[in-house]
Amino acid sequence: MTDLPPQDRCGAIARALHGTMFALIAVPIAGGLMLEGLPRGTALKRLAFDGHETIGIVAVLLVLARIAWNLSHRGPSPEGAVRQRKLAKAAHGALCVPMIAVPVVGYAMVDAKGHDVAFFAWSAPDLVVKDSVLGKTLERVHERLARALTGLVGLHVATAFWHHFGLRDGALRGRLPSRA
């Protein structure tokens, strides 16, 4: 398989942001599923929660950076129907909403439950006051948003594979690291 010409590839920064965002979504989703199984009150559980919270904050910051980058740098202009390009743009926009909402709601949930939100070794500032009812409500919203995000990521991956194996249009290769 040969590498794509530069005009058909995303830039190195866009590719790095794309790959990093995938990791920053996949790791906390998998971790979030495992967190509940850890024994309460243990150092391992606290460390896992601290890592989950830190990754969430970093993810929001990177989503915002990625949005800013995409607005200021034009990516490859794929061939195809105008409708397909509009669908792709809408799908990417739809992914951004839960990529921001999941961590923000999670942050507010932790605050509402009366816990400190970890950001690396620091306690992040509080967003909301302690309110156990609000905390439980935000927990349900956080879980539902995380499920929606998981579904959207799955759809995104399936679409990338469809482009790669079905359409054979190079869209997936244009977002992967260059062999050069």
Foldseek 3Di string as FASTA:
>chain_A
DAADPPLLAFDPVLLVLVVLLVCLLVVLLVLVVCLVVDDPPDPVSVVSQQVSLQSLVVQLVSLVVNVVVCVVDPHRDFDDDPVVVVVVVVLVVVLSVLSNVLSVLVLQLCQLCPHFHHNPPDGDDHDDHHHNVSSVVSVVVNVVSSVVNVVSVVVVVVVLVCCCVPVVRCNNSSSHDHPD
